[in-house]
Structure formats: structure tokens, C-alpha cells
């Protein structure tokens, strides 16, 4: 399963993709975006999260042009 984690701090908003297994154990966590901590700046990244293969997941921005992917090795 893939999830998006948004860690909103004082100085930045860090957006990561997390991959978990069937036991909810984290297989991989990768920071894909670091943005200003302003909703107007980072909300554009939350369009869709899709598996494009058995080992690659992509976070697609609202406009469809921005894509951030992670690959699970192994």
C-alpha cells in the first residue's frame, strides 16, 4: 500500500511517499517534495497517487503535469 505523508512545520512542508506491507510495516519512506509551509504552495501537489507498476508509485499533481515517483527495489 502507498500513502502520502505531509509533515507541516514552521519553516517547510515536507511531502513523502510511504510504502507499507500487509502488516503495516514501513518498507520505504522517501521525501519527494519540500515546499514553503503555505497551503497555497503545497496543495497543488495533491492530485492522485497511483501504482504504475508492481514496484513504482507516482504522486501526480492536481494539474497532472508534476509527477514524483519512488521505486521499491527487491
Foldseek 3Di string as FASTA:
>chain_A
DKDWDWDQDQAWIWIWIWDADPVRHTQDIDTFDIGGNDCVIPQQQQCDWADPDPFKIWRAGNVRPDITMDGRDD
